[in-house]
């Protein structure tokens, strides 16, 4: 029988480790590919594969709209999706602090299993380590994913072209605002829930509506603003935004106003930024809005040949201002 908290013995490789794997991870992750051997043996489809890995150390581990387990699946699934790759398989590695509640670990594992099933990806292998008290903040998770790139798809941050339209798949800054409030460091109360979600369905819809989606990026650490600067730099273009078209929830805007934060630089965990030819923009927009995770998709600007490497904002009163380049410490830190 498992103890109420994780003990150092659960990471020692003996009986307790086997019990932890069987009664927590295998109980939720089991599928035909899930293995107790040293490596999973997988069926590999024809075509090109995309592979990505990411570490998650979010604090607090549980927040409105998700937890570190859900986040660890969404983050890697969405990185694969940005390359036009349908997620297939994932591995996960846990570093757990001694004394971490076993019930919380079960909640995390169940959330991972539920999110993976929603994303259509299979958890096939993993690793568990237990660190001494104080060496880890609760639990850290690293996930690695493999996906197959849809035929004919080529996307990348260097492929934006002047005349492309910039879209986001929903309101921005909500995850970063949620984490900030969940830490309760500012005494602010607001009804804000993370946008954390797997986004392959949204990407698949966009790719089905256009054969020329040039750029797909998920706006995680650093938010939409950082992603736009990365695209402008990689593609050697400028980007012009329309401030009044950028979707921001009123609660997020209010919190940002009180703390002097820019919503465009707050993390999203369920939002994509896309660059598509103007002639395809409406079809992509309509396709996205039919997907539950992208009902709020909106056009927020366009790619220009001028102002290379810069992001210029047209304000609500019609003036133009340079969006500050990201730098120093972006708040709140989410990983």
C-alpha atoms as a PDB file:
ATOM      1  CA  UNK A   1       0.000   0.000   0.000  1.00  0.00           C
ATOM      2  CA  UNK A   2       1.340   3.437  -0.931  1.00  0.00           C
ATOM      3  CA  UNK A   3       2.126   5.937   1.805  1.00  0.00           C
ATOM      4  CA  UNK A   4       0.339   9.294   1.957  1.00  0.00           C
ATOM      5  CA  UNK A   5       3.446  11.159   0.817  1.00  0.00           C
ATOM      6  CA  UNK A   6       6.334  10.435  -1.533  1.00  0.00           C
ATOM      7  CA  UNK A   7       9.383   9.028   0.270  1.00  0.00           C
ATOM      8  CA  UNK A   8      13.006   8.820  -0.849  1.00  0.00           C
ATOM      9  CA  UNK A   9      12.535   5.059  -1.153  1.00  0.00           C
ATOM     10  CA  UNK A  10      10.057   5.634  -3.989  1.00  0.00           C
ATOM     11  CA  UNK A  11      12.982   6.782  -6.123  1.00  0.00           C
ATOM     12  CA  UNK A  12      15.456   4.104  -5.096  1.00  0.00           C
ATOM     13  CA  UNK A  13      14.514   1.589  -7.784  1.00  0.00           C
ATOM     14  CA  UNK A  14      13.206  -1.138  -5.478  1.00  0.00           C
ATOM     15  CA  UNK A  15       9.818  -2.377  -4.341  1.00  0.00           C
ATOM     16  CA  UNK A  16       8.481   1.059  -3.443  1.00  0.00           C
ATOM     17  CA  UNK A  17       9.442   2.412  -6.860  1.00  0.00           C
ATOM     18  CA  UNK A  18       7.570  -0.420  -8.559  1.00  0.00           C
ATOM     19  CA  UNK A  19       4.520   0.249  -6.396  1.00  0.00           C
ATOM     20  CA  UNK A  20       4.604   3.958  -7.262  1.00  0.00           C
ATOM     21  CA  UNK A  21       4.830   3.225 -10.979  1.00  0.00           C
ATOM     22  CA  UNK A  22       2.128   0.542 -10.919  1.00  0.00           C
ATOM     23  CA  UNK A  23      -0.372   2.320  -8.679  1.00  0.00           C
ATOM     24  CA  UNK A  24       0.044   5.875  -9.962  1.00  0.00           C
ATOM     25  CA  UNK A  25       1.637   6.152 -13.391  1.00  0.00           C
ATOM     26  CA  UNK A  26       0.692   2.826 -14.975  1.00  0.00           C
ATOM     27  CA  UNK A  27      -2.800   3.138 -13.502  1.00  0.00           C
ATOM     28  CA  UNK A  28      -3.398   6.276 -15.567  1.00  0.00           C
ATOM     29  CA  UNK A  29      -0.973   6.015 -18.504  1.00  0.00           C
ATOM     30  CA  UNK A  30      -1.523   2.402 -19.572  1.00  0.00           C
ATOM     31  CA  UNK A  31      -1.894   1.826 -23.329  1.00  0.00           C
ATOM     32  CA  UNK A  32      -0.563  -0.797 -25.807  1.00  0.00           C
ATOM     33  CA  UNK A  33       2.759   1.072 -26.135  1.00  0.00           C
ATOM     34  CA  UNK A  34       3.336   1.829 -22.449  1.00  0.00           C
ATOM     35  CA  UNK A  35       6.330  -0.197 -21.305  1.00  0.00           C
ATOM     36  CA  UNK A  36       8.098  -1.333 -18.163  1.00  0.00           C
ATOM     37  CA  UNK A  37      11.218  -2.084 -20.214  1.00  0.00           C
ATOM     38  CA  UNK A  38      14.125   0.297 -20.769  1.00  0.00           C
ATOM     39  CA  UNK A  39      12.628   1.804 -23.914  1.00  0.00           C
ATOM     40  CA  UNK A  40       9.286   1.797 -25.712  1.00  0.00           C
ATOM     41  CA  UNK A  41       9.026   0.093 -29.091  1.00  0.00           C
ATOM     42  CA  UNK A  42       6.872   2.180 -31.412  1.00  0.00           C
ATOM     43  CA  UNK A  43       5.262   2.033 -34.831  1.00  0.00           C
ATOM     44  CA  UNK A  44       6.740   4.779 -37.016  1.00  0.00           C
ATOM     45  CA  UNK A  45       4.585   6.221 -39.815  1.00  0.00           C
ATOM     46  CA  UNK A  46       5.964   7.175 -43.202  1.00  0.00           C
ATOM     47  CA  UNK A  47       7.069  10.756 -43.673  1.00  0.00           C
ATOM     48  CA  UNK A  48       8.967  13.295 -41.572  1.00  0.00           C
ATOM     49  CA  UNK A  49       8.895  13.343 -37.773  1.00  0.00           C
ATOM     50  CA  UNK A  50       9.053  16.302 -35.419  1.00  0.00           C
ATOM     51  CA  UNK A  51      10.480  15.910 -31.929  1.00  0.00           C
ATOM     52  CA  UNK A  52      10.431  18.294 -28.983  1.00  0.00           C
ATOM     53  CA  UNK A  53      11.273  18.287 -25.278  1.00  0.00           C
ATOM     54  CA  UNK A  54      10.387  20.721 -22.511  1.00  0.00           C
ATOM     55  CA  UNK A  55      10.731  21.031 -18.731  1.00  0.00           C
ATOM     56  CA  UNK A  56       8.008  22.301 -16.390  1.00  0.00           C
ATOM     57  CA  UNK A  57       8.612  23.735 -12.917  1.00  0.00           C
ATOM     58  CA  UNK A  58       5.550  25.967 -12.563  1.00  0.00           C
ATOM     59  CA  UNK A  59       4.654  27.268  -9.113  1.00  0.00           C
ATOM     60  CA  UNK A  60       2.032  26.772  -7.803  1.00  0.00           C
ATOM     61  CA  UNK A  61       1.622  23.279  -9.250  1.00  0.00           C
ATOM     62  CA  UNK A  62      -2.184  23.660  -9.211  1.00  0.00           C
ATOM     63  CA  UNK A  63      -3.891  26.750 -10.611  1.00  0.00           C
ATOM     64  CA  UNK A  64      -7.326  27.720 -11.954  1.00  0.00           C
ATOM     65  CA  UNK A  65      -7.754  25.898 -15.270  1.00  0.00           C
ATOM     66  CA  UNK A  66      -5.035  23.307 -14.845  1.00  0.00           C
ATOM     67  CA  UNK A  67      -1.965  22.010 -13.085  1.00  0.00           C
ATOM     68  CA  UNK A  68       1.635  21.152 -13.890  1.00  0.00           C
ATOM     69  CA  UNK A  69       0.563  17.770 -15.330  1.00  0.00           C
ATOM     70  CA  UNK A  70      -1.874  19.231 -17.838  1.00  0.00           C
ATOM     71  CA  UNK A  71       0.667  21.927 -18.663  1.00  0.00           C
ATOM     72  CA  UNK A  72       3.397  19.361 -19.350  1.00  0.00           C
ATOM     73  CA  UNK A  73       1.253  17.616 -21.961  1.00  0.00           C
ATOM     74  CA  UNK A  74      -0.059  20.802 -23.583  1.00  0.00           C
ATOM     75  CA  UNK A  75       3.382  22.398 -23.806  1.00  0.00           C
ATOM     76  CA  UNK A  76       4.987  19.582 -25.774  1.00  0.00           C
ATOM     77  CA  UNK A  77       1.895  18.763 -27.848  1.00  0.00           C
ATOM     78  CA  UNK A  78       1.680  22.407 -28.878  1.00  0.00           C
ATOM     79  CA  UNK A  79       5.380  22.623 -29.760  1.00  0.00           C
ATOM     80  CA  UNK A  80       4.922  19.683 -32.141  1.00  0.00           C
ATOM     81  CA  UNK A  81       1.730  21.206 -33.534  1.00  0.00           C
ATOM     82  CA  UNK A  82       3.584  24.418 -34.411  1.00  0.00           C
ATOM     83  CA  UNK A  83       5.593  22.403 -36.917  1.00  0.00           C
ATOM     84  CA  UNK A  84       2.447  20.972 -38.488  1.00  0.00           C
ATOM     85  CA  UNK A  85       3.079  17.658 -36.732  1.00  0.00           C
ATOM     86  CA  UNK A  86       0.266  15.465 -35.441  1.00  0.00           C
ATOM     87  CA  UNK A  87       1.354  14.339 -31.957  1.00  0.00           C
ATOM     88  CA  UNK A  88       1.840  10.574 -31.611  1.00  0.00           C
ATOM     89  CA  UNK A  89       3.957   9.611 -28.602  1.00  0.00           C
ATOM     90  CA  UNK A  90       5.309  11.196 -25.447  1.00  0.00           C
ATOM     91  CA  UNK A  91       7.657  10.277 -22.621  1.00  0.00           C
ATOM     92  CA  UNK A  92       7.744  11.958 -19.230  1.00  0.00           C
ATOM     93  CA  UNK A  93      10.280  12.276 -16.427  1.00  0.00           C
ATOM     94  CA  UNK A  94       9.348  13.250 -12.870  1.00  0.00           C
ATOM     95  CA  UNK A  95      11.562  14.754 -10.172  1.00  0.00           C
ATOM     96  CA  UNK A  96       9.471  14.679  -6.995  1.00  0.00           C
ATOM     97  CA  UNK A  97      10.272  16.276  -3.651  1.00  0.00           C
ATOM     98  CA  UNK A  98      10.335  13.997  -0.646  1.00  0.00           C
ATOM     99  CA  UNK A  99       7.077  14.508   1.254  1.00  0.00           C
ATOM    100  CA  UNK A 100       5.021  15.488  -1.792  1.00  0.00           C
ATOM    101  CA  UNK A 101       1.394  14.391  -1.203  1.00  0.00           C
ATOM    102  CA  UNK A 102       0.600  11.147  -3.008  1.00  0.00           C
ATOM    103  CA  UNK A 103      -2.948  12.310  -3.689  1.00  0.00           C
ATOM    104  CA  UNK A 104      -1.614  15.397  -5.480  1.00  0.00           C
ATOM    105  CA  UNK A 105       0.631  13.149  -7.571  1.00  0.00           C
ATOM    106  CA  UNK A 106      -2.413  11.083  -8.523  1.00  0.00           C
ATOM    107  CA  UNK A 107      -4.275  14.246  -9.544  1.00  0.00           C
ATOM    108  CA  UNK A 108      -1.354  15.299 -11.712  1.00  0.00           C
ATOM    109  CA  UNK A 109      -1.081  11.869 -13.354  1.00  0.00           C
ATOM    110  CA  UNK A 110      -4.822  11.742 -14.047  1.00  0.00           C
ATOM    111  CA  UNK A 111      -4.713  15.230 -15.565  1.00  0.00           C
ATOM    112  CA  UNK A 112      -1.843  14.164 -17.815  1.00  0.00           C
ATOM    113  CA  UNK A 113      -3.735  11.073 -18.949  1.00  0.00           C
ATOM    114  CA  UNK A 114      -6.934  13.027 -19.616  1.00  0.00           C
ATOM    115  CA  UNK A 115      -5.098  15.735 -21.570  1.00  0.00           C
ATOM    116  CA  UNK A 116      -3.083  13.206 -23.579  1.00  0.00           C
ATOM    117  CA  UNK A 117      -6.282  11.380 -24.534  1.00  0.00           C
ATOM    118  CA  UNK A 118      -7.836  14.674 -25.633  1.00  0.00           C
ATOM    119  CA  UNK A 119      -4.748  15.481 -27.712  1.00  0.00           C
ATOM    120  CA  UNK A 120      -4.605  11.997 -29.254  1.00  0.00           C
ATOM    121  CA  UNK A 121      -1.096  11.315 -27.972  1.00  0.00           C
ATOM    122  CA  UNK A 122       0.107   8.218 -26.092  1.00  0.00           C
ATOM    123  CA  UNK A 123       2.390   8.280 -23.047  1.00  0.00           C
ATOM    124  CA  UNK A 124       4.769   5.401 -23.676  1.00  0.00           C
ATOM    125  CA  UNK A 125       7.657   5.598 -21.191  1.00  0.00           C
ATOM    126  CA  UNK A 126       9.043   7.639 -18.332  1.00  0.00           C
ATOM    127  CA  UNK A 127      11.389   8.034 -15.407  1.00  0.00           C
ATOM    128  CA  UNK A 128      10.932   8.847 -11.719  1.00  0.00           C
ATOM    129  CA  UNK A 129      13.409  10.434  -9.343  1.00  0.00           C
ATOM    130  CA  UNK A 130      12.814  11.538  -5.745  1.00  0.00           C
ATOM    131  CA  UNK A 131      14.857  14.472  -4.401  1.00  0.00           C
ATOM    132  CA  UNK A 132      15.439  15.307  -0.755  1.00  0.00           C
ATOM    133  CA  UNK A 133      13.246  17.796   1.081  1.00  0.00           C
ATOM    134  CA  UNK A 134      13.944  21.301  -0.184  1.00  0.00           C
ATOM    135  CA  UNK A 135      15.907  20.215  -3.261  1.00  0.00           C
ATOM    136  CA  UNK A 136      12.826  20.501  -5.505  1.00  0.00           C
ATOM    137  CA  UNK A 137       9.781  22.747  -5.283  1.00  0.00           C
ATOM    138  CA  UNK A 138       7.146  20.003  -5.130  1.00  0.00           C
ATOM    139  CA  UNK A 139       7.421  18.324  -8.512  1.00  0.00           C
ATOM    140  CA  UNK A 140       9.214  18.992 -11.787  1.00  0.00           C
ATOM    141  CA  UNK A 141       8.168  17.286 -15.028  1.00  0.00           C
ATOM    142  CA  UNK A 142      10.009  16.952 -18.341  1.00  0.00           C
ATOM    143  CA  UNK A 143       8.130  15.682 -21.388  1.00  0.00           C
ATOM    144  CA  UNK A 144       9.411  14.695 -24.817  1.00  0.00           C
ATOM    145  CA  UNK A 145       7.095  14.238 -27.784  1.00  0.00           C
ATOM    146  CA  UNK A 146       7.217  12.855 -31.304  1.00  0.00           C
ATOM    147  CA  UNK A 147       4.756  13.664 -34.075  1.00  0.00           C
ATOM    148  CA  UNK A 148       4.384  13.089 -37.795  1.00  0.00           C
ATOM    149  CA  UNK A 149       4.402  16.150 -40.034  1.00  0.00           C
ATOM    150  CA  UNK A 150       1.368  16.363 -42.270  1.00  0.00           C
ATOM    151  CA  UNK A 151       2.196  15.959 -45.969  1.00  0.00           C
ATOM    152  CA  UNK A 152       3.052  19.177 -47.764  1.00  0.00           C
ATOM    153  CA  UNK A 153       3.253  21.264 -44.578  1.00  0.00           C
ATOM    154  CA  UNK A 154       6.206  23.580 -44.037  1.00  0.00           C
ATOM    155  CA  UNK A 155       6.062  26.181 -41.298  1.00  0.00           C
ATOM    156  CA  UNK A 156       8.729  28.139 -39.465  1.00  0.00           C
ATOM    157  CA  UNK A 157       9.551  31.463 -37.902  1.00  0.00           C
ATOM    158  CA  UNK A 158      11.634  32.476 -40.937  1.00  0.00           C
ATOM    159  CA  UNK A 159       8.792  32.044 -43.453  1.00  0.00           C
ATOM    160  CA  UNK A 160       6.657  35.134 -42.805  1.00  0.00           C
ATOM    161  CA  UNK A 161       6.212  37.320 -45.896  1.00  0.00           C
ATOM    162  CA  UNK A 162       5.195  40.975 -46.340  1.00  0.00           C
ATOM    163  CA  UNK A 163       1.436  41.071 -46.840  1.00  0.00           C
ATOM    164  CA  UNK A 164       0.780  38.115 -44.519  1.00  0.00           C
ATOM    165  CA  UNK A 165      -1.929  38.564 -41.937  1.00  0.00           C
ATOM    166  CA  UNK A 166      -1.149  37.940 -38.247  1.00  0.00           C
ATOM    167  CA  UNK A 167      -3.758  35.949 -36.317  1.00  0.00           C
ATOM    168  CA  UNK A 168      -4.061  34.815 -32.717  1.00  0.00           C
ATOM    169  CA  UNK A 169      -6.294  31.897 -31.785  1.00  0.00           C
ATOM    170  CA  UNK A 170      -7.866  33.639 -28.777  1.00  0.00           C
ATOM    171  CA  UNK A 171      -7.473  36.195 -25.989  1.00  0.00           C
ATOM    172  CA  UNK A 172      -3.925  36.777 -24.801  1.00  0.00           C
ATOM    173  CA  UNK A 173      -2.092  36.876 -21.481  1.00  0.00           C
ATOM    174  CA  UNK A 174      -4.536  34.778 -19.465  1.00  0.00           C
ATOM    175  CA  UNK A 175      -2.189  32.004 -18.311  1.00  0.00           C
ATOM    176  CA  UNK A 176       0.481  34.391 -17.061  1.00  0.00           C
ATOM    177  CA  UNK A 177      -2.151  36.445 -15.242  1.00  0.00           C
ATOM    178  CA  UNK A 178      -3.607  33.288 -13.666  1.00  0.00           C
ATOM    179  CA  UNK A 179      -0.224  32.158 -12.322  1.00  0.00           C
ATOM    180  CA  UNK A 180       0.524  35.630 -11.007  1.00  0.00           C
ATOM    181  CA  UNK A 181      -2.771  35.740  -9.091  1.00  0.00           C
ATOM    182  CA  UNK A 182      -2.443  32.143  -7.862  1.00  0.00           C
ATOM    183  CA  UNK A 183       0.785  33.091  -6.077  1.00  0.00           C
ATOM    184  CA  UNK A 184      -1.190  35.669  -4.083  1.00  0.00           C
ATOM    185  CA  UNK A 185       1.756  38.051  -3.870  1.00  0.00           C
ATOM    186  CA  UNK A 186      -0.196  41.218  -4.674  1.00  0.00           C
ATOM    187  CA  UNK A 187      -3.478  40.762  -2.785  1.00  0.00           C
ATOM    188  CA  UNK A 188      -5.482  41.079  -6.015  1.00  0.00           C
ATOM    189  CA  UNK A 189      -8.625  39.022  -6.543  1.00  0.00           C
ATOM    190  CA  UNK A 190      -9.930  38.456 -10.060  1.00  0.00           C
ATOM    191  CA  UNK A 191     -11.830  35.669 -11.804  1.00  0.00           C
ATOM    192  CA  UNK A 192      -9.133  34.558 -14.243  1.00  0.00           C
ATOM    193  CA  UNK A 193      -8.630  30.989 -15.516  1.00  0.00           C
ATOM    194  CA  UNK A 194      -5.654  29.692 -17.489  1.00  0.00           C
ATOM    195  CA  UNK A 195      -6.103  29.133 -21.225  1.00  0.00           C
ATOM    196  CA  UNK A 196      -4.003  25.929 -20.956  1.00  0.00           C
ATOM    197  CA  UNK A 197      -5.131  23.533 -23.727  1.00  0.00           C
ATOM    198  CA  UNK A 198      -3.724  21.152 -26.359  1.00  0.00           C
ATOM    199  CA  UNK A 199      -3.952  22.845 -29.758  1.00  0.00           C
ATOM    200  CA  UNK A 200      -3.455  20.224 -32.455  1.00  0.00           C
ATOM    201  CA  UNK A 201      -7.155  20.440 -33.417  1.00  0.00           C
ATOM    202  CA  UNK A 202      -6.810  24.182 -33.984  1.00  0.00           C
ATOM    203  CA  UNK A 203      -3.640  23.768 -36.036  1.00  0.00           C
ATOM    204  CA  UNK A 204      -5.189  20.953 -38.058  1.00  0.00           C
ATOM    205  CA  UNK A 205      -8.194  23.161 -38.820  1.00  0.00           C
ATOM    206  CA  UNK A 206      -5.951  26.002 -40.003  1.00  0.00           C
ATOM    207  CA  UNK A 207      -3.885  23.674 -42.188  1.00  0.00           C
ATOM    208  CA  UNK A 208      -7.083  22.248 -43.656  1.00  0.00           C
ATOM    209  CA  UNK A 209      -8.257  25.742 -44.604  1.00  0.00           C
ATOM    210  CA  UNK A 210      -5.002  26.868 -46.242  1.00  0.00           C
ATOM    211  CA  UNK A 211      -2.033  25.234 -47.957  1.00  0.00           C
ATOM    212  CA  UNK A 212       0.062  28.304 -47.193  1.00  0.00           C
ATOM    213  CA  UNK A 213       0.173  28.764 -43.414  1.00  0.00           C
ATOM    214  CA  UNK A 214       3.655  30.256 -43.166  1.00  0.00           C
ATOM    215  CA  UNK A 215       4.192  30.549 -39.423  1.00  0.00           C
ATOM    216  CA  UNK A 216       2.662  28.846 -36.396  1.00  0.00           C
ATOM    217  CA  UNK A 217       4.047  29.650 -32.958  1.00  0.00           C
ATOM    218  CA  UNK A 218       2.670  29.033 -29.480  1.00  0.00           C
ATOM    219  CA  UNK A 219       2.896  32.117 -27.302  1.00  0.00           C
ATOM    220  CA  UNK A 220       4.196  30.573 -24.086  1.00  0.00           C
ATOM    221  CA  UNK A 221       7.021  32.138 -22.055  1.00  0.00           C
ATOM    222  CA  UNK A 222       7.244  35.781 -23.093  1.00  0.00           C
ATOM    223  CA  UNK A 223       3.771  35.831 -24.629  1.00  0.00           C
ATOM    224  CA  UNK A 224       2.593  37.094 -28.005  1.00  0.00           C
ATOM    225  CA  UNK A 225       4.891  40.112 -28.004  1.00  0.00           C
ATOM    226  CA  UNK A 226       8.030  38.006 -27.714  1.00  0.00           C
ATOM    227  CA  UNK A 227       6.822  35.627 -30.432  1.00  0.00           C
ATOM    228  CA  UNK A 228       6.167  38.532 -32.805  1.00  0.00           C
ATOM    229  CA  UNK A 229       9.672  39.913 -32.267  1.00  0.00           C
ATOM    230  CA  UNK A 230      11.117  36.458 -32.911  1.00  0.00           C
ATOM    231  CA  UNK A 231       9.171  36.180 -36.179  1.00  0.00           C
ATOM    232  CA  UNK A 232      10.200  39.683 -37.265  1.00  0.00           C
ATOM    233  CA  UNK A 233      13.847  38.886 -36.574  1.00  0.00           C
ATOM    234  CA  UNK A 234      13.882  35.421 -38.160  1.00  0.00           C
ATOM    235  CA  UNK A 235      11.992  36.496 -41.294  1.00  0.00           C
ATOM    236  CA  UNK A 236      13.634  39.916 -41.685  1.00  0.00           C
ATOM    237  CA  UNK A 237      10.266  41.684 -41.772  1.00  0.00           C
ATOM    238  CA  UNK A 238       8.300  44.228 -39.803  1.00  0.00           C
ATOM    239  CA  UNK A 239       5.008  43.594 -38.029  1.00  0.00           C
ATOM    240  CA  UNK A 240       2.249  46.158 -37.568  1.00  0.00           C
ATOM    241  CA  UNK A 241      -0.379  45.514 -34.900  1.00  0.00           C
ATOM    242  CA  UNK A 242      -3.794  47.095 -34.354  1.00  0.00           C
ATOM    243  CA  UNK A 243      -4.196  47.614 -30.603  1.00  0.00           C
ATOM    244  CA  UNK A 244      -7.987  47.674 -30.712  1.00  0.00           C
ATOM    245  CA  UNK A 245      -8.071  44.246 -32.393  1.00  0.00           C
ATOM    246  CA  UNK A 246      -5.963  42.419 -29.800  1.00  0.00           C
ATOM    247  CA  UNK A 247      -8.331  40.298 -27.671  1.00  0.00           C
ATOM    248  CA  UNK A 248      -7.703  40.670 -23.926  1.00  0.00           C
ATOM    249  CA  UNK A 249     -10.165  39.588 -21.237  1.00  0.00           C
ATOM    250  CA  UNK A 250     -11.367  42.568 -19.122  1.00  0.00           C
ATOM    251  CA  UNK A 251     -10.121  40.924 -15.914  1.00  0.00           C
ATOM    252  CA  UNK A 252      -6.657  40.430 -17.418  1.00  0.00           C
ATOM    253  CA  UNK A 253      -6.588  43.988 -18.691  1.00  0.00           C
ATOM    254  CA  UNK A 254      -7.607  45.243 -15.247  1.00  0.00           C
ATOM    255  CA  UNK A 255      -4.879  43.298 -13.428  1.00  0.00           C
ATOM    256  CA  UNK A 256      -2.286  44.459 -15.960  1.00  0.00           C
ATOM    257  CA  UNK A 257      -3.428  48.031 -15.510  1.00  0.00           C
ATOM    258  CA  UNK A 258      -2.979  47.842 -11.747  1.00  0.00           C
ATOM    259  CA  UNK A 259       0.491  46.285 -11.977  1.00  0.00           C
ATOM    260  CA  UNK A 260       1.807  48.104 -15.029  1.00  0.00           C
ATOM    261  CA  UNK A 261       2.116  44.941 -17.128  1.00  0.00           C
ATOM    262  CA  UNK A 262       1.644  44.543 -20.888  1.00  0.00           C
ATOM    263  CA  UNK A 263      -0.791  41.657 -21.719  1.00  0.00           C
ATOM    264  CA  UNK A 264       1.163  40.939 -24.904  1.00  0.00           C
ATOM    265  CA  UNK A 265       4.129  39.861 -22.752  1.00  0.00           C
ATOM    266  CA  UNK A 266       2.180  37.586 -20.413  1.00  0.00           C
ATOM    267  CA  UNK A 267       2.405  33.866 -21.132  1.00  0.00           C
ATOM    268  CA  UNK A 268      -0.290  31.926 -22.937  1.00  0.00           C
ATOM    269  CA  UNK A 269      -0.519  28.121 -22.782  1.00  0.00           C
ATOM    270  CA  UNK A 270      -3.436  27.677 -25.157  1.00  0.00           C
ATOM    271  CA  UNK A 271      -2.869  30.265 -27.869  1.00  0.00           C
ATOM    272  CA  UNK A 272      -1.110  30.228 -31.237  1.00  0.00           C
ATOM    273  CA  UNK A 273       0.198  33.077 -33.375  1.00  0.00           C
ATOM    274  CA  UNK A 274      -0.079  32.446 -37.126  1.00  0.00           C
ATOM    275  CA  UNK A 275       1.066  34.241 -40.262  1.00  0.00           C
ATOM    276  CA  UNK A 276      -0.986  33.432 -43.366  1.00  0.00           C
ATOM    277  CA  UNK A 277      -1.427  35.069 -46.786  1.00  0.00           C
ATOM    278  CA  UNK A 278      -4.128  37.736 -46.766  1.00  0.00           C
ATOM    279  CA  UNK A 279      -6.183  35.805 -49.319  1.00  0.00           C
ATOM    280  CA  UNK A 280      -6.396  32.794 -46.977  1.00  0.00           C
ATOM    281  CA  UNK A 281      -6.935  34.701 -43.732  1.00  0.00           C
ATOM    282  CA  UNK A 282     -10.736  34.639 -43.678  1.00  0.00           C
ATOM    283  CA  UNK A 283     -10.936  30.915 -44.415  1.00  0.00           C
ATOM    284  CA  UNK A 284      -8.389  30.152 -41.676  1.00  0.00           C
ATOM    285  CA  UNK A 285     -10.213  32.411 -39.234  1.00  0.00           C
ATOM    286  CA  UNK A 286     -13.547  30.711 -39.897  1.00  0.00           C
ATOM    287  CA  UNK A 287     -11.978  27.256 -39.530  1.00  0.00           C
ATOM    288  CA  UNK A 288     -10.325  28.183 -36.227  1.00  0.00           C
ATOM    289  CA  UNK A 289     -13.524  29.576 -34.758  1.00  0.00           C
ATOM    290  CA  UNK A 290     -15.175  26.167 -35.148  1.00  0.00           C
ATOM    291  CA  UNK A 291     -12.612  24.589 -32.787  1.00  0.00           C
ATOM    292  CA  UNK A 292     -13.367  24.769 -29.021  1.00  0.00           C
ATOM    293  CA  UNK A 293      -9.877  26.013 -28.133  1.00  0.00           C
ATOM    294  CA  UNK A 294      -9.900  28.764 -30.772  1.00  0.00           C
ATOM    295  CA  UNK A 295     -13.409  30.257 -30.838  1.00  0.00           C
ATOM    296  CA  UNK A 296     -11.925  33.683 -30.108  1.00  0.00           C
ATOM    297  CA  UNK A 297      -9.497  33.700 -33.041  1.00  0.00           C
ATOM    298  CA  UNK A 298      -8.824  37.192 -34.371  1.00  0.00           C
ATOM    299  CA  UNK A 299      -6.728  39.112 -36.886  1.00  0.00           C
ATOM    300  CA  UNK A 300      -4.452  41.488 -34.963  1.00  0.00           C
ATOM    301  CA  UNK A 301      -2.091  42.838 -37.620  1.00  0.00           C
ATOM    302  CA  UNK A 302       0.003  42.160 -40.680  1.00  0.00           C
ATOM    303  CA  UNK A 303       3.549  41.601 -41.868  1.00  0.00           C
ATOM    304  CA  UNK A 304       5.286  44.523 -43.585  1.00  0.00           C
ATOM    305  CA  UNK A 305       8.449  45.079 -45.575  1.00  0.00           C
ATOM    306  CA  UNK A 306       9.152  48.209 -43.525  1.00  0.00           C
ATOM    307  CA  UNK A 307      10.561  48.387 -39.986  1.00  0.00           C
ATOM    308  CA  UNK A 308      12.464  45.147 -40.346  1.00  0.00           C
ATOM    309  CA  UNK A 309      12.921  43.374 -37.015  1.00  0.00           C
ATOM    310  CA  UNK A 310      10.440  45.651 -35.269  1.00  0.00           C
ATOM    311  CA  UNK A 311       6.855  45.431 -34.050  1.00  0.00           C
ATOM    312  CA  UNK A 312       4.873  48.650 -34.429  1.00  0.00           C
ATOM    313  CA  UNK A 313       1.523  49.194 -32.700  1.00  0.00           C
ATOM    314  CA  UNK A 314      -1.262  51.422 -34.030  1.00  0.00           C
ATOM    315  CA  UNK A 315      -3.018  52.649 -30.888  1.00  0.00           C
ATOM    316  CA  UNK A 316      -6.753  53.117 -30.323  1.00  0.00           C
ATOM    317  CA  UNK A 317      -6.408  56.831 -31.162  1.00  0.00           C
ATOM    318  CA  UNK A 318      -4.582  56.168 -34.417  1.00  0.00           C
ATOM    319  CA  UNK A 319      -1.021  57.014 -33.395  1.00  0.00           C
ATOM    320  CA  UNK A 320       1.838  54.581 -33.903  1.00  0.00           C
ATOM    321  CA  UNK A 321       4.262  53.405 -31.259  1.00  0.00           C
ATOM    322  CA  UNK A 322       7.063  50.878 -31.161  1.00  0.00           C
ATOM    323  CA  UNK A 323       6.207  47.870 -29.008  1.00  0.00           C
ATOM    324  CA  UNK A 324       9.094  47.621 -26.510  1.00  0.00           C
ATOM    325  CA  UNK A 325      11.442  44.767 -27.234  1.00  0.00           C
ATOM    326  CA  UNK A 326      11.345  41.999 -24.627  1.00  0.00           C
ATOM    327  CA  UNK A 327      14.255  42.040 -22.241  1.00  0.00           C
ATOM    328  CA  UNK A 328      15.390  41.586 -18.660  1.00  0.00           C
ATOM    329  CA  UNK A 329      13.061  39.580 -16.406  1.00  0.00           C
ATOM    330  CA  UNK A 330       9.601  38.892 -17.833  1.00  0.00           C
ATOM    331  CA  UNK A 331       6.982  38.743 -15.086  1.00  0.00           C
ATOM    332  CA  UNK A 332       5.610  36.562 -13.771  1.00  0.00           C
ATOM    333  CA  UNK A 333       8.153  33.786 -14.301  1.00  0.00           C
ATOM    334  CA  UNK A 334       6.170  30.674 -15.191  1.00  0.00           C
ATOM    335  CA  UNK A 335       9.009  28.158 -15.398  1.00  0.00           C
END
